[in-house]
């Protein structure tokens, strides 16, 4: 079975290389090396993280939205 480990590079810089599936909160924890999945849910409550959506009771993130969020964070960072 292939590893599900993700890296920020997997989110891609070009749309054609985006993963073929939506990302889970656990994927974001792994990608950004966050302390816990609760951080992702706090971002959602505070509206500070990438845009997510619900599929039933499950939270999912479009890789393109995650990339856009990362890019917006970079623009605000000091060079």
Foldseek 3Di string as FASTA:
>chain_A
DDDPQDELCQLDPDPVSHDPDWAFLVNVCRHVVNPDSVVVVVCVVVVLAFDWDDDDPGITHGSVSNVVSVVVVVVPDDD
